[in-house]
């Protein structure tokens, strides 16, 4: 799995920087709709959409990485800046898109118990998780999914100092866990490994947002068209 080359960090210090930020841009990608969208990172290393399919990342060896920073972004779908994620949108909500992809066998889900992506869930596993999250009152999904969590790796290469490459690594549906010893808190229902899912997301149109170009879900993530609380972890790549 591509992200394994980044797991052997020498140290990881959580800075716990909680900020409301909109992702900044330093490269332009051409989307399937012909729009020019800004995406973090170098165009040479970012995803692109070609004929409805995402183009994969170039492989980066760990020895070529100068530094790596991990960003955990928690997206509140009720914010005005996150209209594409709003539960009031009736068509192609992200939770419906991901659950449909899992049900149809188009994408994989991984256990939400940790973010190591070490345990693949079956469709039955995911169905049981969602049934439990809905509870005995069988709440609608719009009430169950409280937020989304996105994890980015921001890389600086040794031969391209001062320029960063920003890659989405994984994302999760977040729901309230009332069984936690410390009281109710948000926890991942399951994780999705983004590189395995990007091609599928490129085939599904995201809900329309006023005054913004029409985008599929892949383009929403690649253009960082969302706002969220960011927790930053400093990591130093080995070698």
Protein backbone atom coordinates (compact mmCIF):
# COMPACT_ATOMS: atom_id res chain seq x y z
CA UNK A 1 0.00 0.00 0.00
CA UNK A 2 1.44 3.35 -1.08
CA UNK A 3 1.26 5.08 2.27
CA UNK A 4 3.39 2.44 3.99
CA UNK A 5 6.57 4.19 2.85
CA UNK A 6 5.63 7.11 5.10
CA UNK A 7 4.97 5.13 8.28
CA UNK A 8 8.55 4.71 9.45
CA UNK A 9 8.92 8.24 10.78
CA UNK A 10 11.66 8.82 13.33
CA UNK A 11 9.40 10.95 15.49
CA UNK A 12 5.90 12.42 15.51
CA UNK A 13 5.05 15.32 17.80
CA UNK A 14 1.39 16.39 17.91
CA UNK A 15 1.18 20.16 17.97
CA UNK A 16 -2.59 20.12 18.47
CA UNK A 17 -3.06 23.20 16.33
CA UNK A 18 -6.82 23.62 16.03
CA UNK A 19 -7.61 26.22 13.41
CA UNK A 20 -10.43 27.04 11.03
CA UNK A 21 -8.56 27.11 7.75
CA UNK A 22 -9.32 26.84 4.07
CA UNK A 23 -6.61 24.95 2.22
CA UNK A 24 -4.24 27.21 0.30
CA UNK A 25 -3.06 26.48 -3.23
CA UNK A 26 0.15 26.42 -5.21
CA UNK A 27 -0.59 24.32 -8.30
CA UNK A 28 -3.26 24.15 -10.97
CA UNK A 29 -4.93 20.94 -12.13
CA UNK A 30 -7.26 20.52 -15.08
CA UNK A 31 -10.47 18.74 -14.12
CA UNK A 32 -12.81 16.51 -16.07
CA UNK A 33 -15.22 19.45 -16.41
CA UNK A 34 -12.53 21.62 -17.98
CA UNK A 35 -12.38 23.93 -14.96
CA UNK A 36 -9.04 25.07 -13.61
CA UNK A 37 -8.95 24.16 -9.94
CA UNK A 38 -6.25 25.00 -7.45
CA UNK A 39 -4.82 22.11 -5.44
CA UNK A 40 -2.15 21.95 -2.78
CA UNK A 41 1.13 20.49 -3.95
CA UNK A 42 3.01 20.25 -7.22
CA UNK A 43 1.03 19.46 -10.36
CA UNK A 44 3.71 16.93 -11.31
CA UNK A 45 2.82 14.85 -8.27
CA UNK A 46 -0.90 15.52 -7.82
CA UNK A 47 -3.89 13.58 -9.07
CA UNK A 48 -5.55 14.57 -12.32
CA UNK A 49 -8.77 13.47 -13.94
CA UNK A 50 -8.45 12.09 -17.47
CA UNK A 51 -11.52 10.84 -19.34
CA UNK A 52 -13.38 10.41 -16.08
CA UNK A 53 -10.55 8.58 -14.32
CA UNK A 54 -8.07 9.80 -11.73
CA UNK A 55 -4.40 9.65 -12.62
CA UNK A 56 -2.32 8.03 -9.84
CA UNK A 57 0.39 9.72 -7.84
CA UNK A 58 3.99 9.35 -8.84
CA UNK A 59 5.86 7.08 -6.44
CA UNK A 60 8.12 8.89 -3.98
CA UNK A 61 10.85 6.93 -2.21
CA UNK A 62 11.25 7.58 1.51
CA UNK A 63 14.93 8.47 1.00
CA UNK A 64 13.86 11.41 -1.19
CA UNK A 65 11.60 12.96 1.47
CA UNK A 66 13.13 15.82 3.49
CA UNK A 67 10.18 16.34 5.83
CA UNK A 68 6.63 15.15 6.25
CA UNK A 69 3.77 16.80 8.13
CA UNK A 70 0.48 15.05 8.80
CA UNK A 71 -2.70 17.13 8.91
CA UNK A 72 -5.95 15.84 10.39
CA UNK A 73 -8.85 17.95 9.11
CA UNK A 74 -12.29 17.65 10.72
CA UNK A 75 -14.98 18.93 8.36
CA UNK A 76 -18.19 20.25 9.89
CA UNK A 77 -20.87 19.76 7.18
CA UNK A 78 -23.03 22.50 8.72
CA UNK A 79 -20.54 25.29 7.95
CA UNK A 80 -21.48 27.57 5.08
CA UNK A 81 -18.11 26.85 3.43
CA UNK A 82 -18.93 23.12 3.34
CA UNK A 83 -22.19 23.19 1.41
CA UNK A 84 -21.18 20.18 -0.71
CA UNK A 85 -21.07 18.13 2.52
CA UNK A 86 -24.34 19.50 3.95
CA UNK A 87 -26.82 16.82 5.11
CA UNK A 88 -29.65 18.83 3.53
CA UNK A 89 -28.34 17.99 0.05
CA UNK A 90 -30.56 15.20 -1.22
CA UNK A 91 -28.41 13.91 -4.10
CA UNK A 92 -25.01 12.23 -3.87
CA UNK A 93 -24.26 13.03 -0.24
CA UNK A 94 -20.73 11.86 0.53
CA UNK A 95 -21.94 9.31 3.08
CA UNK A 96 -24.37 7.83 0.54
CA UNK A 97 -21.66 7.78 -2.14
CA UNK A 98 -19.17 5.95 0.09
CA UNK A 99 -21.71 3.47 1.44
CA UNK A 100 -22.98 2.72 -2.08
CA UNK A 101 -19.41 2.15 -3.26
CA UNK A 102 -18.79 -0.29 -0.41
CA UNK A 103 -22.09 -2.08 -1.01
CA UNK A 104 -21.35 -2.46 -4.73
CA UNK A 105 -17.81 -3.69 -4.06
CA UNK A 106 -16.23 -0.69 -5.80
CA UNK A 107 -14.27 0.53 -2.78
CA UNK A 108 -12.96 -0.92 0.48
CA UNK A 109 -13.68 0.12 4.07
CA UNK A 110 -11.22 -0.31 6.92
CA UNK A 111 -11.81 -0.61 10.64
CA UNK A 112 -12.41 2.65 12.48
CA UNK A 113 -10.76 1.29 15.63
CA UNK A 114 -7.47 2.86 14.51
CA UNK A 115 -6.11 4.63 11.43
CA UNK A 116 -3.60 1.94 10.45
CA UNK A 117 -5.86 0.57 7.70
CA UNK A 118 -4.86 -2.90 8.88
CA UNK A 119 -8.30 -4.53 8.92
CA UNK A 120 -10.51 -4.63 5.82
CA UNK A 121 -14.23 -4.70 6.60
CA UNK A 122 -16.76 -6.78 4.69
CA UNK A 123 -19.98 -5.27 3.40
CA UNK A 124 -21.75 -7.08 6.22
CA UNK A 125 -19.35 -5.53 8.75
CA UNK A 126 -20.11 -2.04 7.45
CA UNK A 127 -23.86 -2.72 7.42
CA UNK A 128 -23.69 -3.85 11.06
CA UNK A 129 -21.68 -0.77 12.02
CA UNK A 130 -24.23 1.52 10.39
CA UNK A 131 -27.17 -0.31 11.97
CA UNK A 132 -25.58 0.09 15.40
CA UNK A 133 -24.86 3.77 14.77
CA UNK A 134 -28.47 4.39 13.78
CA UNK A 135 -29.62 2.87 17.06
CA UNK A 136 -33.00 1.34 17.95
CA UNK A 137 -34.79 4.46 16.66
CA UNK A 138 -33.21 3.91 13.21
CA UNK A 139 -32.12 7.51 12.76
CA UNK A 140 -31.56 8.76 9.19
CA UNK A 141 -27.95 8.86 8.00
CA UNK A 142 -28.08 12.65 7.94
CA UNK A 143 -28.44 12.55 11.74
CA UNK A 144 -25.88 9.78 12.28
CA UNK A 145 -22.92 11.21 10.34
CA UNK A 146 -21.85 14.28 12.29
CA UNK A 147 -18.69 15.20 10.39
CA UNK A 148 -15.93 13.95 8.10
CA UNK A 149 -12.25 13.48 8.89
CA UNK A 150 -9.57 13.88 6.22
CA UNK A 151 -5.89 13.04 6.75
CA UNK A 152 -3.26 14.72 4.55
CA UNK A 153 0.46 14.10 4.19
CA UNK A 154 2.36 17.29 3.30
CA UNK A 155 5.76 16.34 1.91
CA UNK A 156 8.87 18.34 1.08
CA UNK A 157 11.36 16.62 -1.21
CA UNK A 158 15.11 16.97 -0.72
CA UNK A 159 15.60 18.26 -4.26
CA UNK A 160 12.61 20.64 -4.17
CA UNK A 161 13.10 22.57 -0.94
CA UNK A 162 10.47 25.19 -0.25
CA UNK A 163 7.83 23.41 -2.32
CA UNK A 164 5.29 21.10 -0.75
CA UNK A 165 3.26 18.17 -2.04
CA UNK A 166 -0.08 17.69 -0.34
CA UNK A 167 -1.70 14.26 -0.63
CA UNK A 168 -4.98 13.11 0.84
CA UNK A 169 -4.29 9.74 2.47
CA UNK A 170 -7.54 8.66 4.12
CA UNK A 171 -10.97 9.86 5.15
CA UNK A 172 -13.65 8.74 7.58
CA UNK A 173 -17.30 9.21 8.46
CA UNK A 174 -17.54 10.48 12.03
CA UNK A 175 -20.39 9.62 14.39
CA UNK A 176 -21.11 10.03 18.10
CA UNK A 177 -19.90 7.18 20.28
CA UNK A 178 -22.06 7.20 23.40
CA UNK A 179 -20.23 4.19 24.85
CA UNK A 180 -16.96 6.03 25.49
CA UNK A 181 -15.82 6.03 29.10
CA UNK A 182 -15.24 9.77 29.00
CA UNK A 183 -18.68 10.51 27.61
CA UNK A 184 -19.98 10.99 24.09
CA UNK A 185 -17.32 11.81 21.51
CA UNK A 186 -16.93 11.65 17.76
CA UNK A 187 -15.22 8.53 16.41
CA UNK A 188 -14.72 7.11 12.90
CA UNK A 189 -17.37 4.65 11.76
CA UNK A 190 -14.80 3.32 9.30
CA UNK A 191 -11.84 4.55 7.25
CA UNK A 192 -11.45 4.83 3.48
CA UNK A 193 -7.99 4.74 1.88
CA UNK A 194 -8.21 7.67 -0.54
CA UNK A 195 -5.85 6.45 -3.33
CA UNK A 196 -8.01 3.32 -3.66
CA UNK A 197 -11.16 5.44 -3.79
CA UNK A 198 -10.15 8.42 -5.94
CA UNK A 199 -11.11 6.79 -9.23
CA UNK A 200 -14.58 5.96 -7.91
CA UNK A 201 -15.06 9.47 -6.50
CA UNK A 202 -14.19 10.88 -9.93
CA UNK A 203 -17.29 9.18 -11.36
CA UNK A 204 -19.78 10.70 -8.91
CA UNK A 205 -20.96 14.29 -9.14
CA UNK A 206 -20.92 16.24 -5.86
CA UNK A 207 -23.98 18.29 -4.86
CA UNK A 208 -24.15 21.64 -6.62
CA UNK A 209 -22.88 24.64 -4.66
CA UNK A 210 -24.00 28.18 -5.58
CA UNK A 211 -21.31 30.30 -7.25
CA UNK A 212 -18.91 27.36 -7.57
CA UNK A 213 -18.03 25.24 -10.63
CA UNK A 214 -19.68 21.84 -10.98
CA UNK A 215 -17.36 19.23 -9.49
CA UNK A 216 -17.25 15.50 -8.84
CA UNK A 217 -16.26 14.31 -5.36
CA UNK A 218 -12.67 13.66 -6.45
CA UNK A 219 -12.38 17.29 -7.56
CA UNK A 220 -13.85 18.51 -4.27
CA UNK A 221 -11.04 16.80 -2.36
CA UNK A 222 -8.26 17.64 -4.81
CA UNK A 223 -9.22 21.33 -4.88
CA UNK A 224 -9.59 21.31 -1.07
CA UNK A 225 -13.06 22.82 -1.41
CA UNK A 226 -13.84 22.54 2.28
CA UNK A 227 -13.03 24.16 5.60
CA UNK A 228 -12.26 22.43 8.88
CA UNK A 229 -10.48 22.22 12.20
CA UNK A 230 -6.89 21.15 11.58
CA UNK A 231 -4.65 19.23 13.95
CA UNK A 232 -1.03 19.25 12.75
CA UNK A 233 1.58 16.62 13.55
CA UNK A 234 5.25 17.24 12.77
CA UNK A 235 7.03 14.20 11.42
CA UNK A 236 10.56 13.70 10.19
CA UNK A 237 11.04 11.17 7.40
CA UNK A 238 13.78 8.62 8.02
CA UNK A 239 17.12 8.58 6.23
